[in-house]
Amino acid sequence: MMDRRARGVRVVLAALLFASVALGLVACCGGSSGPGISNVTLALSVDAATRQPTEKTRRFALDTGEIFVSLKVSGAPPGTKLNASWRHEGKEIVAYQREVDGTRYAALSITRPVNGWPAGEYEVVLSLDGKHEKRAEFTIGP
């Protein structure tokens, strides 16, 4: 009888020890590393409800009216700043910031300048609170 009880106590103690070690590893090494950006995609349009890209492309015509970048934000606490810097051949042409939170898709866009798009290489540089930088390169031309 005592043997069975002692074995039961040992099993329970071993299970508790395993659970606490596993939780410690998750907290230390396997948990979230903070907010992040993924699935960065350039597009001619995005779905109004989901903000996911619907017409993906990396090459845009000179007469394109608006260029979108869709991205997935993950694990962003309230007040997280999403920064976007749109650049033409290395020179910033417009930058802005907006708040995001949670895990969801977001979409940003840039519209054709009054004088039209200069042909060439472009990129949009994205970051959350100045970290977790992602880039998407694209071309505008004939």
N, C-alpha and C. Protein backbone atom coordinates (compact mmCIF):
# COMPACT_ATOMS: atom_id res chain seq x y z
N MET A 1 0.82 -1.19 0.00
CA MET A 1 0.00 0.00 0.00
C MET A 1 0.87 1.25 0.00
N MET A 2 1.87 1.30 0.87
CA MET A 2 2.76 2.45 0.92
C MET A 2 3.56 2.58 -0.37
N ASP A 3 3.91 1.43 -0.94
CA ASP A 3 4.66 1.43 -2.19
C ASP A 3 3.88 2.11 -3.30
N ARG A 4 2.59 1.80 -3.41
CA ARG A 4 1.74 2.41 -4.42
C ARG A 4 1.59 3.91 -4.20
N ARG A 5 1.38 4.29 -2.97
CA ARG A 5 1.24 5.72 -2.64
C ARG A 5 2.53 6.47 -2.93
N ALA A 6 3.67 5.93 -2.57
CA ALA A 6 4.96 6.56 -2.81
C ALA A 6 5.21 6.70 -4.31
N ARG A 7 4.85 5.66 -5.08
CA ARG A 7 5.02 5.72 -6.53
C ARG A 7 4.12 6.80 -7.12
N GLY A 8 2.89 6.91 -6.62
CA GLY A 8 1.96 7.95 -7.09
C GLY A 8 2.49 9.33 -6.80
N VAL A 9 3.05 9.53 -5.61
CA VAL A 9 3.61 10.82 -5.25
C VAL A 9 4.79 11.15 -6.16
N ARG A 10 5.64 10.16 -6.44
CA ARG A 10 6.78 10.38 -7.33
C ARG A 10 6.32 10.76 -8.74
N VAL A 11 5.27 10.13 -9.23
CA VAL A 11 4.75 10.44 -10.57
C VAL A 11 4.23 11.88 -10.61
N VAL A 12 3.49 12.27 -9.58
CA VAL A 12 2.95 13.63 -9.52
C VAL A 12 4.08 14.64 -9.43
N LEU A 13 5.07 14.37 -8.60
CA LEU A 13 6.21 15.29 -8.48
C LEU A 13 6.98 15.39 -9.80
N ALA A 14 7.17 14.27 -10.48
CA ALA A 14 7.88 14.30 -11.76
C ALA A 14 7.09 15.12 -12.79
N ALA A 15 5.77 14.96 -12.82
CA ALA A 15 4.93 15.72 -13.75
C ALA A 15 5.01 17.21 -13.45
N LEU A 16 4.96 17.58 -12.18
CA LEU A 16 5.07 18.99 -11.79
C LEU A 16 6.44 19.56 -12.17
N LEU A 17 7.48 18.79 -11.95
CA LEU A 17 8.82 19.23 -12.31
C LEU A 17 8.93 19.43 -13.82
N PHE A 18 8.41 18.48 -14.60
CA PHE A 18 8.44 18.59 -16.06
C PHE A 18 7.66 19.83 -16.52
N ALA A 19 6.47 20.06 -15.96
CA ALA A 19 5.65 21.20 -16.34
C ALA A 19 6.36 22.52 -16.02
N SER A 20 6.98 22.61 -14.87
CA SER A 20 7.64 23.87 -14.52
C SER A 20 8.87 24.11 -15.39
N VAL A 21 9.61 23.07 -15.74
CA VAL A 21 10.76 23.23 -16.64
C VAL A 21 10.27 23.66 -18.02
N ALA A 22 9.21 23.01 -18.51
CA ALA A 22 8.68 23.36 -19.84
C ALA A 22 8.19 24.81 -19.86
N LEU A 23 7.48 25.25 -18.84
CA LEU A 23 7.02 26.63 -18.78
C LEU A 23 8.18 27.60 -18.71
N GLY A 24 9.21 27.24 -17.98
CA GLY A 24 10.40 28.09 -17.90
C GLY A 24 11.09 28.23 -19.25
N LEU A 25 11.16 27.14 -20.01
CA LEU A 25 11.78 27.21 -21.33
C LEU A 25 10.96 28.07 -22.28
N VAL A 26 9.65 27.96 -22.22
CA VAL A 26 8.80 28.78 -23.08
C VAL A 26 8.97 30.25 -22.72
N ALA A 27 8.97 30.56 -21.45
CA ALA A 27 9.13 31.95 -21.02
C ALA A 27 10.50 32.49 -21.41
N CYS A 28 11.51 31.64 -21.29
CA CYS A 28 12.87 32.08 -21.59
C CYS A 28 13.15 32.15 -23.08
N CYS A 29 12.85 31.07 -23.77
CA CYS A 29 13.38 30.92 -25.13
C CYS A 29 12.34 30.70 -26.21
N GLY A 30 11.17 30.23 -25.89
CA GLY A 30 10.22 29.88 -26.92
C GLY A 30 9.05 30.82 -27.02
N GLY A 31 9.00 31.81 -26.20
CA GLY A 31 7.88 32.74 -26.22
C GLY A 31 8.03 33.78 -27.30
N SER A 32 7.12 34.67 -27.35
CA SER A 32 7.12 35.73 -28.35
C SER A 32 8.32 36.65 -28.15
N SER A 33 8.91 37.08 -29.26
CA SER A 33 10.05 37.98 -29.18
C SER A 33 9.63 39.42 -29.42
N GLY A 34 8.36 39.71 -29.25
CA GLY A 34 7.86 41.05 -29.47
C GLY A 34 7.14 41.15 -30.79
N PRO A 35 6.74 42.35 -31.13
CA PRO A 35 5.98 42.52 -32.37
C PRO A 35 6.84 42.26 -33.60
N GLY A 36 6.16 41.90 -34.69
CA GLY A 36 6.89 41.61 -35.92
C GLY A 36 6.09 41.93 -37.17
N ILE A 37 6.79 41.97 -38.29
CA ILE A 37 6.20 42.22 -39.61
C ILE A 37 6.52 41.02 -40.49
N SER A 38 5.52 40.53 -41.23
CA SER A 38 5.74 39.45 -42.19
C SER A 38 4.79 39.65 -43.38
N ASN A 39 4.90 38.77 -44.35
CA ASN A 39 4.01 38.76 -45.52
C ASN A 39 3.92 40.12 -46.21
N VAL A 40 5.04 40.79 -46.38
CA VAL A 40 5.07 42.09 -47.05
C VAL A 40 4.88 41.87 -48.55
N THR A 41 3.82 42.46 -49.11
CA THR A 41 3.47 42.24 -50.51
C THR A 41 3.02 43.54 -51.16
N LEU A 42 3.58 43.84 -52.33
CA LEU A 42 3.16 45.00 -53.11
C LEU A 42 1.99 44.60 -54.00
N ALA A 43 1.08 45.56 -54.26
CA ALA A 43 -0.12 45.22 -55.02
C ALA A 43 -0.74 46.46 -55.66
N LEU A 44 -1.58 46.21 -56.66
CA LEU A 44 -2.38 47.27 -57.27
C LEU A 44 -3.62 47.56 -56.44
N SER A 45 -4.04 46.58 -55.62
CA SER A 45 -5.21 46.78 -54.76
C SER A 45 -5.15 45.81 -53.59
N VAL A 46 -5.95 46.12 -52.56
CA VAL A 46 -6.07 45.24 -51.40
C VAL A 46 -7.55 45.05 -51.09
N ASP A 47 -7.86 43.94 -50.42
CA ASP A 47 -9.22 43.68 -50.00
C ASP A 47 -9.59 44.68 -48.90
N ALA A 48 -10.70 45.36 -49.06
CA ALA A 48 -11.10 46.40 -48.11
C ALA A 48 -11.33 45.85 -46.71
N ALA A 49 -11.81 44.62 -46.60
CA ALA A 49 -12.12 44.05 -45.29
C ALA A 49 -10.89 43.44 -44.61
N THR A 50 -10.10 42.67 -45.37
CA THR A 50 -8.98 41.95 -44.76
C THR A 50 -7.65 42.67 -44.85
N ARG A 51 -7.54 43.63 -45.76
CA ARG A 51 -6.32 44.39 -46.04
C ARG A 51 -5.24 43.52 -46.70
N GLN A 52 -5.59 42.33 -47.16
CA GLN A 52 -4.66 41.47 -47.86
C GLN A 52 -4.61 41.86 -49.34
N PRO A 53 -3.48 41.63 -50.01
CA PRO A 53 -3.34 42.03 -51.41
C PRO A 53 -4.24 41.22 -52.34
N THR A 54 -4.80 41.89 -53.35
CA THR A 54 -5.64 41.18 -54.32
C THR A 54 -5.03 41.17 -55.71
N GLU A 55 -4.22 42.13 -56.05
CA GLU A 55 -3.54 42.16 -57.35
C GLU A 55 -2.05 42.37 -57.10
N LYS A 56 -1.35 41.27 -56.76
CA LYS A 56 0.06 41.34 -56.41
C LYS A 56 0.92 41.65 -57.63
N THR A 57 1.91 42.50 -57.42
CA THR A 57 2.89 42.79 -58.46
C THR A 57 4.07 43.52 -57.85
N ARG A 58 5.20 43.48 -58.56
CA ARG A 58 6.38 44.26 -58.17
C ARG A 58 6.77 45.23 -59.28
N ARG A 59 5.97 45.23 -60.35
CA ARG A 59 6.21 46.12 -61.48
C ARG A 59 4.94 46.90 -61.77
N PHE A 60 5.07 48.23 -61.79
CA PHE A 60 3.92 49.11 -61.95
C PHE A 60 4.11 49.99 -63.19
N ALA A 61 3.02 50.27 -63.89
CA ALA A 61 3.06 51.14 -65.07
C ALA A 61 3.18 52.59 -64.63
N LEU A 62 3.66 53.42 -65.55
CA LEU A 62 3.82 54.85 -65.25
C LEU A 62 2.49 55.54 -64.92
N ASP A 63 1.38 55.00 -65.40
CA ASP A 63 0.08 55.62 -65.14
C ASP A 63 -0.67 55.00 -63.95
N THR A 64 0.01 54.16 -63.17
CA THR A 64 -0.62 53.57 -61.98
C THR A 64 -1.01 54.68 -61.01
N GLY A 65 -2.28 54.68 -60.60
CA GLY A 65 -2.77 55.74 -59.72
C GLY A 65 -2.37 55.59 -58.26
N GLU A 66 -2.32 54.33 -57.78
CA GLU A 66 -2.00 54.09 -56.37
C GLU A 66 -1.29 52.75 -56.24
N ILE A 67 -0.27 52.73 -55.40
CA ILE A 67 0.51 51.52 -55.14
C ILE A 67 0.34 51.16 -53.67
N PHE A 68 -0.01 49.89 -53.43
CA PHE A 68 -0.26 49.42 -52.07
C PHE A 68 0.85 48.49 -51.60
N VAL A 69 1.08 48.51 -50.29
CA VAL A 69 1.89 47.48 -49.66
C VAL A 69 1.01 46.90 -48.54
N SER A 70 0.87 45.58 -48.56
CA SER A 70 0.10 44.87 -47.54
C SER A 70 1.10 44.11 -46.67
N LEU A 71 0.87 44.07 -45.38
CA LEU A 71 1.78 43.39 -44.47
C LEU A 71 1.01 42.84 -43.29
N LYS A 72 1.56 41.81 -42.69
CA LYS A 72 0.96 41.24 -41.48
C LYS A 72 1.76 41.72 -40.28
N VAL A 73 1.06 42.34 -39.34
CA VAL A 73 1.64 42.77 -38.08
C VAL A 73 1.28 41.69 -37.05
N SER A 74 2.25 41.25 -36.27
CA SER A 74 2.01 40.20 -35.28
C SER A 74 2.45 40.65 -33.89
N GLY A 75 1.58 40.41 -32.91
CA GLY A 75 1.93 40.64 -31.51
C GLY A 75 2.24 42.07 -31.13
N ALA A 76 1.61 43.02 -31.79
CA ALA A 76 1.89 44.44 -31.50
C ALA A 76 1.02 44.92 -30.35
N PRO A 77 1.62 45.39 -29.27
CA PRO A 77 0.82 45.95 -28.18
C PRO A 77 0.18 47.27 -28.60
N PRO A 78 -0.90 47.68 -27.94
CA PRO A 78 -1.54 48.96 -28.29
C PRO A 78 -0.51 50.10 -28.29
N GLY A 79 -0.64 50.99 -29.28
CA GLY A 79 0.25 52.13 -29.38
C GLY A 79 1.51 51.87 -30.19
N THR A 80 1.68 50.65 -30.73
CA THR A 80 2.84 50.36 -31.56
C THR A 80 2.80 51.21 -32.82
N LYS A 81 3.92 51.81 -33.18
CA LYS A 81 4.01 52.69 -34.35
C LYS A 81 4.51 51.91 -35.56
N LEU A 82 3.71 51.89 -36.61
CA LEU A 82 4.11 51.33 -37.90
C LEU A 82 4.64 52.49 -38.74
N ASN A 83 5.90 52.41 -39.13
CA ASN A 83 6.54 53.45 -39.92
C ASN A 83 6.74 52.95 -41.35
N ALA A 84 6.50 53.83 -42.31
CA ALA A 84 6.72 53.51 -43.72
C ALA A 84 7.52 54.64 -44.36
N SER A 85 8.57 54.26 -45.07
CA SER A 85 9.37 55.21 -45.83
C SER A 85 9.39 54.73 -47.28
N TRP A 86 8.78 55.49 -48.17
CA TRP A 86 8.75 55.18 -49.60
C TRP A 86 9.94 55.90 -50.24
N ARG A 87 10.73 55.17 -51.03
CA ARG A 87 11.96 55.73 -51.58
C ARG A 87 12.06 55.47 -53.08
N HIS A 88 12.61 56.45 -53.79
CA HIS A 88 12.90 56.31 -55.21
C HIS A 88 14.40 56.43 -55.39
N GLU A 89 15.00 55.34 -55.86
CA GLU A 89 16.44 55.28 -56.08
C GLU A 89 17.23 55.80 -54.89
N GLY A 90 16.83 55.34 -53.70
CA GLY A 90 17.53 55.66 -52.47
C GLY A 90 17.11 56.92 -51.75
N LYS A 91 16.35 57.79 -52.42
CA LYS A 91 15.95 59.06 -51.81
C LYS A 91 14.50 58.96 -51.31
N GLU A 92 14.31 59.32 -50.04
CA GLU A 92 12.96 59.26 -49.47
C GLU A 92 12.05 60.27 -50.16
N ILE A 93 10.88 59.78 -50.59
CA ILE A 93 9.91 60.68 -51.23
C ILE A 93 8.71 60.96 -50.33
N VAL A 94 8.40 60.05 -49.43
CA VAL A 94 7.34 60.28 -48.46
C VAL A 94 7.53 59.30 -47.31
N ALA A 95 7.19 59.75 -46.10
CA ALA A 95 7.26 58.89 -44.92
C ALA A 95 6.05 59.21 -44.05
N TYR A 96 5.54 58.19 -43.42
CA TYR A 96 4.47 58.43 -42.46
C TYR A 96 4.43 57.32 -41.43
N GLN A 97 3.60 57.54 -40.43
CA GLN A 97 3.51 56.65 -39.29
C GLN A 97 2.04 56.51 -38.89
N ARG A 98 1.67 55.30 -38.44
CA ARG A 98 0.33 55.11 -37.88
C ARG A 98 0.41 54.06 -36.78
N GLU A 99 -0.56 54.08 -35.90
CA GLU A 99 -0.58 53.12 -34.80
C GLU A 99 -1.26 51.83 -35.24
N VAL A 100 -0.72 50.71 -34.77
CA VAL A 100 -1.30 49.40 -35.00
C VAL A 100 -1.27 48.62 -33.69
N ASP A 101 -2.05 47.56 -33.62
CA ASP A 101 -1.99 46.68 -32.46
C ASP A 101 -2.48 45.29 -32.86
N GLY A 102 -2.13 44.31 -32.04
CA GLY A 102 -2.59 42.95 -32.26
C GLY A 102 -1.88 42.24 -33.39
N THR A 103 -2.58 41.25 -33.93
CA THR A 103 -2.09 40.47 -35.06
C THR A 103 -3.12 40.56 -36.16
N ARG A 104 -2.74 41.22 -37.25
CA ARG A 104 -3.67 41.42 -38.36
C ARG A 104 -2.91 42.00 -39.55
N TYR A 105 -3.60 42.04 -40.68
CA TYR A 105 -3.02 42.67 -41.86
C TYR A 105 -3.26 44.17 -41.81
N ALA A 106 -2.32 44.90 -42.38
CA ALA A 106 -2.45 46.34 -42.54
C ALA A 106 -2.06 46.65 -43.98
N ALA A 107 -2.57 47.74 -44.51
CA ALA A 107 -2.21 48.15 -45.86
C ALA A 107 -1.92 49.64 -45.88
N LEU A 108 -0.89 49.99 -46.60
CA LEU A 108 -0.49 51.38 -46.77
C LEU A 108 -0.39 51.63 -48.27
N SER A 109 -0.49 52.90 -48.66
CA SER A 109 -0.38 53.18 -50.09
C SER A 109 0.26 54.53 -50.35
N ILE A 110 0.65 54.69 -51.59
CA ILE A 110 1.21 55.95 -52.07
C ILE A 110 0.51 56.24 -53.40
N THR A 111 0.17 57.50 -53.63
CA THR A 111 -0.53 57.86 -54.87
C THR A 111 0.42 58.56 -55.84
N ARG A 112 0.06 58.46 -57.11
CA ARG A 112 0.86 59.04 -58.18
C ARG A 112 1.00 60.55 -57.98
N PRO A 113 2.21 61.06 -58.07
CA PRO A 113 2.41 62.51 -57.97
C PRO A 113 1.71 63.24 -59.11
N VAL A 114 1.44 64.51 -58.92
CA VAL A 114 0.78 65.34 -59.93
C VAL A 114 1.52 65.28 -61.27
N ASN A 115 2.83 65.31 -61.22
CA ASN A 115 3.65 65.28 -62.44
C ASN A 115 3.95 63.87 -62.94
N GLY A 116 3.34 62.84 -62.31
CA GLY A 116 3.57 61.45 -62.71
C GLY A 116 4.74 60.82 -61.97
N TRP A 117 4.82 59.49 -62.10
CA TRP A 117 5.90 58.75 -61.46
C TRP A 117 7.18 58.89 -62.28
N PRO A 118 8.29 59.19 -61.65
CA PRO A 118 9.57 59.05 -62.36
C PRO A 118 9.85 57.55 -62.54
N ALA A 119 10.25 57.14 -63.71
CA ALA A 119 10.58 55.73 -63.93
C ALA A 119 11.80 55.37 -63.10
N GLY A 120 11.84 54.14 -62.64
CA GLY A 120 13.01 53.69 -61.91
C GLY A 120 12.70 52.68 -60.83
N GLU A 121 13.69 52.51 -59.97
CA GLU A 121 13.62 51.55 -58.87
C GLU A 121 13.13 52.25 -57.60
N TYR A 122 12.23 51.58 -56.90
CA TYR A 122 11.64 52.09 -55.68
C TYR A 122 11.73 51.03 -54.59
N GLU A 123 11.50 51.47 -53.36
CA GLU A 123 11.34 50.54 -52.24
C GLU A 123 10.51 51.20 -51.17
N VAL A 124 9.87 50.36 -50.37
CA VAL A 124 9.20 50.84 -49.17
C VAL A 124 9.87 50.12 -48.00
N VAL A 125 10.25 50.91 -46.99
CA VAL A 125 10.91 50.37 -45.81
C VAL A 125 9.92 50.49 -44.66
N LEU A 126 9.64 49.37 -44.01
CA LEU A 126 8.65 49.30 -42.93
C LEU A 126 9.31 48.93 -41.62
N SER A 127 8.79 49.48 -40.52
CA SER A 127 9.30 49.10 -39.21
C SER A 127 8.21 49.30 -38.16
N LEU A 128 8.37 48.61 -37.05
CA LEU A 128 7.50 48.76 -35.89
C LEU A 128 8.31 49.38 -34.77
N ASP A 129 7.92 50.55 -34.33
CA ASP A 129 8.66 51.27 -33.29
C ASP A 129 10.15 51.36 -33.61
N GLY A 130 10.46 51.52 -34.90
CA GLY A 130 11.85 51.67 -35.33
C GLY A 130 12.64 50.38 -35.38
N LYS A 131 11.99 49.22 -35.17
CA LYS A 131 12.67 47.92 -35.17
C LYS A 131 11.96 46.98 -36.14
N HIS A 132 12.50 45.79 -36.29
CA HIS A 132 11.89 44.74 -37.10
C HIS A 132 11.71 45.20 -38.55
N GLU A 133 12.72 45.80 -39.09
CA GLU A 133 12.64 46.41 -40.42
C GLU A 133 12.45 45.38 -41.52
N LYS A 134 11.55 45.69 -42.45
CA LYS A 134 11.32 44.90 -43.66
C LYS A 134 11.32 45.84 -44.86
N ARG A 135 11.76 45.34 -46.00
CA ARG A 135 11.81 46.14 -47.23
C ARG A 135 11.11 45.40 -48.34
N ALA A 136 10.50 46.17 -49.24
CA ALA A 136 9.92 45.60 -50.45
C ALA A 136 10.33 46.49 -51.61
N GLU A 137 11.00 45.91 -52.60
CA GLU A 137 11.47 46.65 -53.75
C GLU A 137 10.50 46.48 -54.91
N PHE A 138 10.39 47.54 -55.74
CA PHE A 138 9.51 47.49 -56.90
C PHE A 138 10.02 48.43 -57.97
N THR A 139 9.47 48.27 -59.17
CA THR A 139 9.87 49.07 -60.32
C THR A 139 8.66 49.78 -60.90
N ILE A 140 8.86 51.03 -61.31
CA ILE A 140 7.83 51.77 -62.05
C ILE A 140 8.45 52.13 -63.38
N GLY A 141 7.73 51.77 -64.44
CA GLY A 141 8.27 52.09 -65.76
C GLY A 141 7.37 51.60 -66.87
N PRO A 142 7.81 51.88 -68.10
CA PRO A 142 7.01 51.49 -69.27
C PRO A 142 6.94 49.98 -69.44
